Amino acid sequence: MKINSRLKMIGDLVSANSFCLDVGCDHALLDIYLVKRKDNIKTIASDIKEGPLEQAKKNIKREHLENEIETRLGDGLNTYSEEVDTVIISGMGGRNIIGICKNNLKVFKKVDTYIISPNNYQEDVKRFFCKNGYYIDNEELVKDSNFIYQILIFKKGKKKYSRKDYFFGPVLLNKKGKLFREYYTREMKSREILINLLPNNYRWKKFITRREIQMIKNVLED
């Protein structure tokens, strides 16, 4: 069964012997990949929609993994079990991910590790997790169908971060590399376009956007 580059990268970042809850599992391709790794990884594939979950069940059955992957219909962290040590949420907007976590803060704070790949508002996601008892353990970039995605790993604990750390990611800042430069060159260009589109009365937004453009330039030239 084929899996895209983003899901494969997420799957490769899951530690051996983990018990995962895959929130918004869609067709359970990630869960199947994880179990087939043969690293004693267990998963719960959950989704709020019946249609994708039914397809997930069919895919799991096709791979003869019914006894190894549990499927659950439910909203976000409401499908959590006490055995879970790793929660994976990917392919959603950043603010939607934050909302899922806020809706069940009691469960949210029980989890040791989160692997998050938001489609947007990555900085907001980082700030939310770090404000609520987690630190950024690892960050990766992956290119899939000409899009570049961030994958963020949070673990329980506290670390202090600067605005620059939250914007770029403290781990990505240390790694940099080709994808980092491509990703933030795109981010800079999109902001340059935005500046020209914003009405004159959006002074504060223009000020923030110009500051971000300069910050990106400084890092790319470093």
C-alpha atoms as a PDB file:
ATOM      1  CA  MET A   1       0.000   0.000   0.000  1.00  0.00           C
ATOM      2  CA  LYS A   2       1.481   3.355  -1.068  1.00  0.00           C
ATOM      3  CA  ILE A   3       2.095   6.090   1.466  1.00  0.00           C
ATOM      4  CA  ASN A   4       3.043   9.671   0.694  1.00  0.00           C
ATOM      5  CA  SER A   5       6.316  11.296   1.755  1.00  0.00           C
ATOM      6  CA  ARG A   6       4.734  13.293   4.558  1.00  0.00           C
ATOM      7  CA  LEU A   7       3.094  10.290   6.229  1.00  0.00           C
ATOM      8  CA  LYS A   8       6.223   8.195   5.754  1.00  0.00           C
ATOM      9  CA  MET A   9       8.338  10.841   7.496  1.00  0.00           C
ATOM     10  CA  ILE A  10       5.837  11.006  10.366  1.00  0.00           C
ATOM     11  CA  GLY A  11       5.841   7.213  10.612  1.00  0.00           C
ATOM     12  CA  ASP A  12       9.647   7.074  10.666  1.00  0.00           C
ATOM     13  CA  LEU A  13       9.708   9.567  13.557  1.00  0.00           C
ATOM     14  CA  VAL A  14       7.582   7.340  15.826  1.00  0.00           C
ATOM     15  CA  SER A  15       9.712   5.554  18.418  1.00  0.00           C
ATOM     16  CA  ALA A  16       9.757   1.752  18.631  1.00  0.00           C
ATOM     17  CA  ASN A  17       7.416   0.242  21.255  1.00  0.00           C
ATOM     18  CA  SER A  18       5.049   3.235  21.071  1.00  0.00           C
ATOM     19  CA  PHE A  19       1.297   3.067  21.530  1.00  0.00           C
ATOM     20  CA  CYS A  20      -0.133   5.674  19.143  1.00  0.00           C
ATOM     21  CA  LEU A  21      -3.434   7.442  18.754  1.00  0.00           C
ATOM     22  CA  ASP A  22      -3.756   8.702  15.175  1.00  0.00           C
ATOM     23  CA  VAL A  23      -6.323  11.520  15.351  1.00  0.00           C
ATOM     24  CA  GLY A  24      -8.034  12.121  12.016  1.00  0.00           C
ATOM     25  CA  CYS A  25      -6.622   8.895  10.597  1.00  0.00           C
ATOM     26  CA  ASP A  26      -8.463   9.254   7.272  1.00  0.00           C
ATOM     27  CA  HIS A  27      -7.841   5.882   5.541  1.00  0.00           C
ATOM     28  CA  ALA A  28      -5.392   4.567   8.196  1.00  0.00           C
ATOM     29  CA  LEU A  29      -2.448   4.457   5.788  1.00  0.00           C
ATOM     30  CA  LEU A  30      -0.118   5.779   8.493  1.00  0.00           C
ATOM     31  CA  ASP A  31      -1.352   3.208  11.018  1.00  0.00           C
ATOM     32  CA  ILE A  32      -0.786   0.382   8.558  1.00  0.00           C
ATOM     33  CA  TYR A  33       2.715   1.678   7.811  1.00  0.00           C
ATOM     34  CA  LEU A  34       3.525   1.904  11.535  1.00  0.00           C
ATOM     35  CA  VAL A  35       2.416  -1.629  12.351  1.00  0.00           C
ATOM     36  CA  LYS A  36       4.228  -3.027   9.317  1.00  0.00           C
ATOM     37  CA  ARG A  37       7.462  -1.481  10.601  1.00  0.00           C
ATOM     38  CA  LYS A  38       7.654  -4.460  13.014  1.00  0.00           C
ATOM     39  CA  ASP A  39       8.923  -2.232  15.850  1.00  0.00           C
ATOM     40  CA  ASN A  40       6.247  -3.300  18.336  1.00  0.00           C
ATOM     41  CA  ILE A  41       4.142  -0.222  17.576  1.00  0.00           C
ATOM     42  CA  LYS A  42       0.442  -0.345  18.424  1.00  0.00           C
ATOM     43  CA  THR A  43      -2.103   2.120  17.070  1.00  0.00           C
ATOM     44  CA  ILE A  44      -5.632   3.380  17.459  1.00  0.00           C
ATOM     45  CA  ALA A  45      -6.902   4.881  14.192  1.00  0.00           C
ATOM     46  CA  SER A  46      -9.602   7.428  14.994  1.00  0.00           C
ATOM     47  CA  ASP A  47     -11.694   9.779  12.910  1.00  0.00           C
ATOM     48  CA  ILE A  48     -14.729  11.966  13.476  1.00  0.00           C
ATOM     49  CA  LYS A  49     -16.268  10.953  10.132  1.00  0.00           C
ATOM     50  CA  GLU A  50     -17.822   7.563   9.450  1.00  0.00           C
ATOM     51  CA  GLY A  51     -16.924   7.514   5.730  1.00  0.00           C
ATOM     52  CA  PRO A  52     -13.128   7.717   6.107  1.00  0.00           C
ATOM     53  CA  LEU A  53     -13.226   5.322   9.077  1.00  0.00           C
ATOM     54  CA  GLU A  54     -15.130   2.727   7.041  1.00  0.00           C
ATOM     55  CA  GLN A  55     -12.469   2.991   4.331  1.00  0.00           C
ATOM     56  CA  ALA A  56      -9.809   2.695   7.027  1.00  0.00           C
ATOM     57  CA  LYS A  57     -11.395  -0.546   8.232  1.00  0.00           C
ATOM     58  CA  LYS A  58     -11.389  -1.916   4.674  1.00  0.00           C
ATOM     59  CA  ASN A  59      -7.716  -1.036   4.226  1.00  0.00           C
ATOM     60  CA  ILE A  60      -6.803  -2.605   7.551  1.00  0.00           C
ATOM     61  CA  LYS A  61      -8.735  -5.772   6.660  1.00  0.00           C
ATOM     62  CA  ARG A  62      -7.059  -5.918   3.246  1.00  0.00           C
ATOM     63  CA  GLU A  63      -3.677  -5.939   5.008  1.00  0.00           C
ATOM     64  CA  HIS A  64      -4.877  -8.560   7.568  1.00  0.00           C
ATOM     65  CA  LEU A  65      -4.166  -6.202  10.476  1.00  0.00           C
ATOM     66  CA  GLU A  66      -7.590  -6.249  12.175  1.00  0.00           C
ATOM     67  CA  ASN A  67      -6.071  -7.671  15.354  1.00  0.00           C
ATOM     68  CA  GLU A  68      -3.308  -5.073  15.468  1.00  0.00           C
ATOM     69  CA  ILE A  69      -5.011  -1.766  14.618  1.00  0.00           C
ATOM     70  CA  GLU A  70      -8.093  -0.632  16.527  1.00  0.00           C
ATOM     71  CA  THR A  71     -10.457   1.845  14.883  1.00  0.00           C
ATOM     72  CA  ARG A  72     -12.553   4.338  16.829  1.00  0.00           C
ATOM     73  CA  LEU A  73     -15.199   6.815  15.746  1.00  0.00           C
ATOM     74  CA  GLY A  74     -14.960   9.996  17.761  1.00  0.00           C
ATOM     75  CA  ASP A  75     -13.890  13.593  18.103  1.00  0.00           C
ATOM     76  CA  GLY A  76     -10.209  14.328  18.697  1.00  0.00           C
ATOM     77  CA  LEU A  77      -8.760  13.237  22.027  1.00  0.00           C
ATOM     78  CA  ASN A  78     -12.086  11.721  23.108  1.00  0.00           C
ATOM     79  CA  THR A  79     -10.855   8.469  21.505  1.00  0.00           C
ATOM     80  CA  TYR A  80      -7.847   8.332  23.861  1.00  0.00           C
ATOM     81  CA  SER A  81      -6.970   5.225  25.931  1.00  0.00           C
ATOM     82  CA  GLU A  82      -4.708   5.163  28.985  1.00  0.00           C
ATOM     83  CA  GLU A  83      -2.158   2.961  27.139  1.00  0.00           C
ATOM     84  CA  VAL A  84      -1.500   5.713  24.589  1.00  0.00           C
ATOM     85  CA  ASP A  85       1.858   7.448  24.935  1.00  0.00           C
ATOM     86  CA  THR A  86       2.036   9.139  21.503  1.00  0.00           C
ATOM     87  CA  VAL A  87      -0.617  11.199  19.733  1.00  0.00           C
ATOM     88  CA  ILE A  88      -0.282  11.978  16.028  1.00  0.00           C
ATOM     89  CA  ILE A  89      -2.254  14.793  14.381  1.00  0.00           C
ATOM     90  CA  SER A  90      -1.448  15.760  10.805  1.00  0.00           C
ATOM     91  CA  GLY A  91      -3.050  17.254   7.720  1.00  0.00           C
ATOM     92  CA  MET A  92      -5.205  19.784   9.590  1.00  0.00           C
ATOM     93  CA  GLY A  93      -5.026  23.520  10.119  1.00  0.00           C
ATOM     94  CA  GLY A  94      -2.945  24.589  13.087  1.00  0.00           C
ATOM     95  CA  ARG A  95      -5.831  26.300  14.857  1.00  0.00           C
ATOM     96  CA  ASN A  96      -8.008  23.234  14.389  1.00  0.00           C
ATOM     97  CA  ILE A  97      -5.279  21.158  16.067  1.00  0.00           C
ATOM     98  CA  ILE A  98      -5.125  23.620  18.959  1.00  0.00           C
ATOM     99  CA  GLY A  99      -8.911  23.414  19.262  1.00  0.00           C
ATOM    100  CA  ILE A 100      -8.786  19.608  19.446  1.00  0.00           C
ATOM    101  CA  CYS A 101      -6.299  19.823  22.304  1.00  0.00           C
ATOM    102  CA  LYS A 102      -8.174  22.605  24.135  1.00  0.00           C
ATOM    103  CA  ASN A 103     -11.428  20.659  23.952  1.00  0.00           C
ATOM    104  CA  ASN A 104      -9.971  17.946  26.194  1.00  0.00           C
ATOM    105  CA  LEU A 105      -7.164  19.534  28.223  1.00  0.00           C
ATOM    106  CA  LYS A 106      -7.340  16.842  30.899  1.00  0.00           C
ATOM    107  CA  VAL A 107      -6.452  14.136  28.375  1.00  0.00           C
ATOM    108  CA  PHE A 108      -4.131  16.462  26.438  1.00  0.00           C
ATOM    109  CA  LYS A 109      -1.770  16.800  29.393  1.00  0.00           C
ATOM    110  CA  LYS A 110      -1.570  13.033  29.996  1.00  0.00           C
ATOM    111  CA  VAL A 111       0.242  12.304  26.732  1.00  0.00           C
ATOM    112  CA  ASP A 112       4.056  11.974  26.725  1.00  0.00           C
ATOM    113  CA  THR A 113       4.706  12.712  23.040  1.00  0.00           C
ATOM    114  CA  TYR A 114       2.895  14.583  20.286  1.00  0.00           C
ATOM    115  CA  ILE A 115       3.824  14.361  16.611  1.00  0.00           C
ATOM    116  CA  ILE A 116       2.095  17.243  14.868  1.00  0.00           C
ATOM    117  CA  SER A 117       2.131  18.285  11.212  1.00  0.00           C
ATOM    118  CA  PRO A 118      -0.102  21.345  10.778  1.00  0.00           C
ATOM    119  CA  ASN A 119      -0.987  22.767   7.366  1.00  0.00           C
ATOM    120  CA  ASN A 120      -0.659  26.336   8.662  1.00  0.00           C
ATOM    121  CA  TYR A 121      -0.299  28.466  11.832  1.00  0.00           C
ATOM    122  CA  GLN A 122       2.755  26.439  12.847  1.00  0.00           C
ATOM    123  CA  GLU A 123       3.984  29.209  15.138  1.00  0.00           C
ATOM    124  CA  ASP A 124       0.657  29.252  17.007  1.00  0.00           C
ATOM    125  CA  VAL A 125       0.880  25.474  17.471  1.00  0.00           C
ATOM    126  CA  LYS A 126       4.414  25.737  18.882  1.00  0.00           C
ATOM    127  CA  ARG A 127       3.408  28.470  21.305  1.00  0.00           C
ATOM    128  CA  PHE A 128       0.328  26.555  22.475  1.00  0.00           C
ATOM    129  CA  PHE A 129       2.212  23.343  23.241  1.00  0.00           C
ATOM    130  CA  CYS A 130       5.114  25.132  24.918  1.00  0.00           C
ATOM    131  CA  LYS A 131       2.721  27.175  27.068  1.00  0.00           C
ATOM    132  CA  ASN A 132       1.042  23.955  28.216  1.00  0.00           C
ATOM    133  CA  GLY A 133       3.971  21.934  29.535  1.00  0.00           C
ATOM    134  CA  TYR A 134       5.751  20.650  26.423  1.00  0.00           C
ATOM    135  CA  TYR A 135       9.017  21.460  24.652  1.00  0.00           C
ATOM    136  CA  ILE A 136      10.096  21.064  21.031  1.00  0.00           C
ATOM    137  CA  ASP A 137      12.092  17.836  20.885  1.00  0.00           C
ATOM    138  CA  ASN A 138      12.528  17.641  17.119  1.00  0.00           C
ATOM    139  CA  GLU A 139      11.439  19.295  13.877  1.00  0.00           C
ATOM    140  CA  GLU A 140      11.630  18.102  10.300  1.00  0.00           C
ATOM    141  CA  LEU A 141      10.683  19.438   6.887  1.00  0.00           C
ATOM    142  CA  VAL A 142       9.358  17.151   4.177  1.00  0.00           C
ATOM    143  CA  LYS A 143       8.441  17.909   0.559  1.00  0.00           C
ATOM    144  CA  ASP A 144       5.365  16.221  -0.856  1.00  0.00           C
ATOM    145  CA  SER A 145       3.671  17.162  -4.170  1.00  0.00           C
ATOM    146  CA  ASN A 146       5.609  20.439  -4.293  1.00  0.00           C
ATOM    147  CA  PHE A 147       4.409  21.446  -0.830  1.00  0.00           C
ATOM    148  CA  ILE A 148       6.829  21.607   2.102  1.00  0.00           C
ATOM    149  CA  TYR A 149       5.410  20.563   5.461  1.00  0.00           C
ATOM    150  CA  GLN A 150       6.693  20.978   8.999  1.00  0.00           C
ATOM    151  CA  ILE A 151       6.615  18.015  11.353  1.00  0.00           C
ATOM    152  CA  LEU A 152       6.901  18.934  15.032  1.00  0.00           C
ATOM    153  CA  ILE A 153       7.627  16.594  17.934  1.00  0.00           C
ATOM    154  CA  PHE A 154       6.679  17.783  21.416  1.00  0.00           C
ATOM    155  CA  LYS A 155       7.608  16.062  24.667  1.00  0.00           C
ATOM    156  CA  LYS A 156       6.722  16.845  28.274  1.00  0.00           C
ATOM    157  CA  GLY A 157       9.010  19.416  29.840  1.00  0.00           C
ATOM    158  CA  LYS A 158       9.923  23.102  29.677  1.00  0.00           C
ATOM    159  CA  LYS A 159      12.349  25.145  27.613  1.00  0.00           C
ATOM    160  CA  LYS A 160      12.548  28.855  26.914  1.00  0.00           C
ATOM    161  CA  TYR A 161      12.289  30.021  23.325  1.00  0.00           C
ATOM    162  CA  SER A 162      12.764  33.371  21.622  1.00  0.00           C
ATOM    163  CA  ARG A 163      10.385  34.861  19.060  1.00  0.00           C
ATOM    164  CA  LYS A 164      12.891  33.782  16.404  1.00  0.00           C
ATOM    165  CA  ASP A 165      12.780  30.203  17.750  1.00  0.00           C
ATOM    166  CA  TYR A 166       9.003  30.099  17.537  1.00  0.00           C
ATOM    167  CA  PHE A 167       8.980  31.605  14.054  1.00  0.00           C
ATOM    168  CA  PHE A 168      11.578  29.309  12.452  1.00  0.00           C
ATOM    169  CA  GLY A 169      11.676  26.448  14.939  1.00  0.00           C
ATOM    170  CA  PRO A 170      14.695  26.073  17.253  1.00  0.00           C
ATOM    171  CA  VAL A 171      15.705  22.681  15.836  1.00  0.00           C
ATOM    172  CA  LEU A 172      15.209  23.731  12.204  1.00  0.00           C
ATOM    173  CA  LEU A 173      17.320  26.842  12.853  1.00  0.00           C
ATOM    174  CA  ASN A 174      20.218  24.619  13.881  1.00  0.00           C
ATOM    175  CA  LYS A 175      19.788  22.198  10.990  1.00  0.00           C
ATOM    176  CA  LYS A 176      18.955  24.654   8.199  1.00  0.00           C
ATOM    177  CA  GLY A 177      19.757  22.864   4.931  1.00  0.00           C
ATOM    178  CA  LYS A 178      18.289  22.949   1.415  1.00  0.00           C
ATOM    179  CA  LEU A 179      14.603  22.417   2.313  1.00  0.00           C
ATOM    180  CA  PHE A 180      14.807  25.014   5.077  1.00  0.00           C
ATOM    181  CA  ARG A 181      16.085  27.608   2.603  1.00  0.00           C
ATOM    182  CA  GLU A 182      13.460  26.681   0.015  1.00  0.00           C
ATOM    183  CA  TYR A 183      10.652  26.764   2.580  1.00  0.00           C
ATOM    184  CA  TYR A 184      11.554  30.145   4.047  1.00  0.00           C
ATOM    185  CA  THR A 185      12.334  31.676   0.645  1.00  0.00           C
ATOM    186  CA  ARG A 186       8.734  30.820  -0.282  1.00  0.00           C
ATOM    187  CA  GLU A 187       7.521  32.272   3.038  1.00  0.00           C
ATOM    188  CA  MET A 188       9.420  35.500   2.367  1.00  0.00           C
ATOM    189  CA  LYS A 189       8.032  35.836  -1.181  1.00  0.00           C
ATOM    190  CA  SER A 190       4.453  35.238  -0.008  1.00  0.00           C
ATOM    191  CA  ARG A 191       4.880  38.032   2.553  1.00  0.00           C
ATOM    192  CA  GLU A 192       6.297  40.381  -0.062  1.00  0.00           C
ATOM    193  CA  ILE A 193       3.175  39.770  -2.157  1.00  0.00           C
ATOM    194  CA  LEU A 194       0.981  40.308   0.903  1.00  0.00           C
ATOM    195  CA  ILE A 195       2.564  43.690   1.649  1.00  0.00           C
ATOM    196  CA  ASN A 196       1.484  44.951  -1.782  1.00  0.00           C
ATOM    197  CA  LEU A 197      -2.057  43.623  -1.381  1.00  0.00           C
ATOM    198  CA  LEU A 198      -2.771  44.989   2.103  1.00  0.00           C
ATOM    199  CA  PRO A 199      -4.815  48.228   2.273  1.00  0.00           C
ATOM    200  CA  ASN A 200      -2.993  51.290   3.614  1.00  0.00           C
ATOM    201  CA  ASN A 201      -4.963  51.268   6.857  1.00  0.00           C
ATOM    202  CA  TYR A 202      -3.510  47.819   7.783  1.00  0.00           C
ATOM    203  CA  ARG A 203      -0.470  49.540   9.257  1.00  0.00           C
ATOM    204  CA  TRP A 204       0.162  47.083  12.089  1.00  0.00           C
ATOM    205  CA  LYS A 205      -0.128  44.046   9.810  1.00  0.00           C
ATOM    206  CA  LYS A 206       2.246  45.685   7.339  1.00  0.00           C
ATOM    207  CA  PHE A 207       4.717  46.457  10.127  1.00  0.00           C
ATOM    208  CA  ILE A 208       4.680  42.839  11.389  1.00  0.00           C
ATOM    209  CA  THR A 209       4.970  41.449   7.854  1.00  0.00           C
ATOM    210  CA  ARG A 210       7.949  43.691   7.031  1.00  0.00           C
ATOM    211  CA  ARG A 211       9.632  42.634  10.254  1.00  0.00           C
ATOM    212  CA  GLU A 212       9.129  38.951   9.371  1.00  0.00           C
ATOM    213  CA  ILE A 213      10.540  39.515   5.867  1.00  0.00           C
ATOM    214  CA  GLN A 214      13.658  41.106   7.349  1.00  0.00           C
ATOM    215  CA  MET A 215      14.016  38.306   9.900  1.00  0.00           C
ATOM    216  CA  ILE A 216      13.858  35.684   7.124  1.00  0.00           C
ATOM    217  CA  LYS A 217      16.406  37.610   5.027  1.00  0.00           C
ATOM    218  CA  ASN A 218      18.809  37.787   7.959  1.00  0.00           C
ATOM    219  CA  VAL A 219      18.593  34.026   8.596  1.00  0.00           C
ATOM    220  CA  LEU A 220      18.917  33.066   4.916  1.00  0.00           C
ATOM    221  CA  GLU A 221      21.948  35.321   4.514  1.00  0.00           C
ATOM    222  CA  ASP A 222      23.613  34.008   7.681  1.00  0.00           C
END
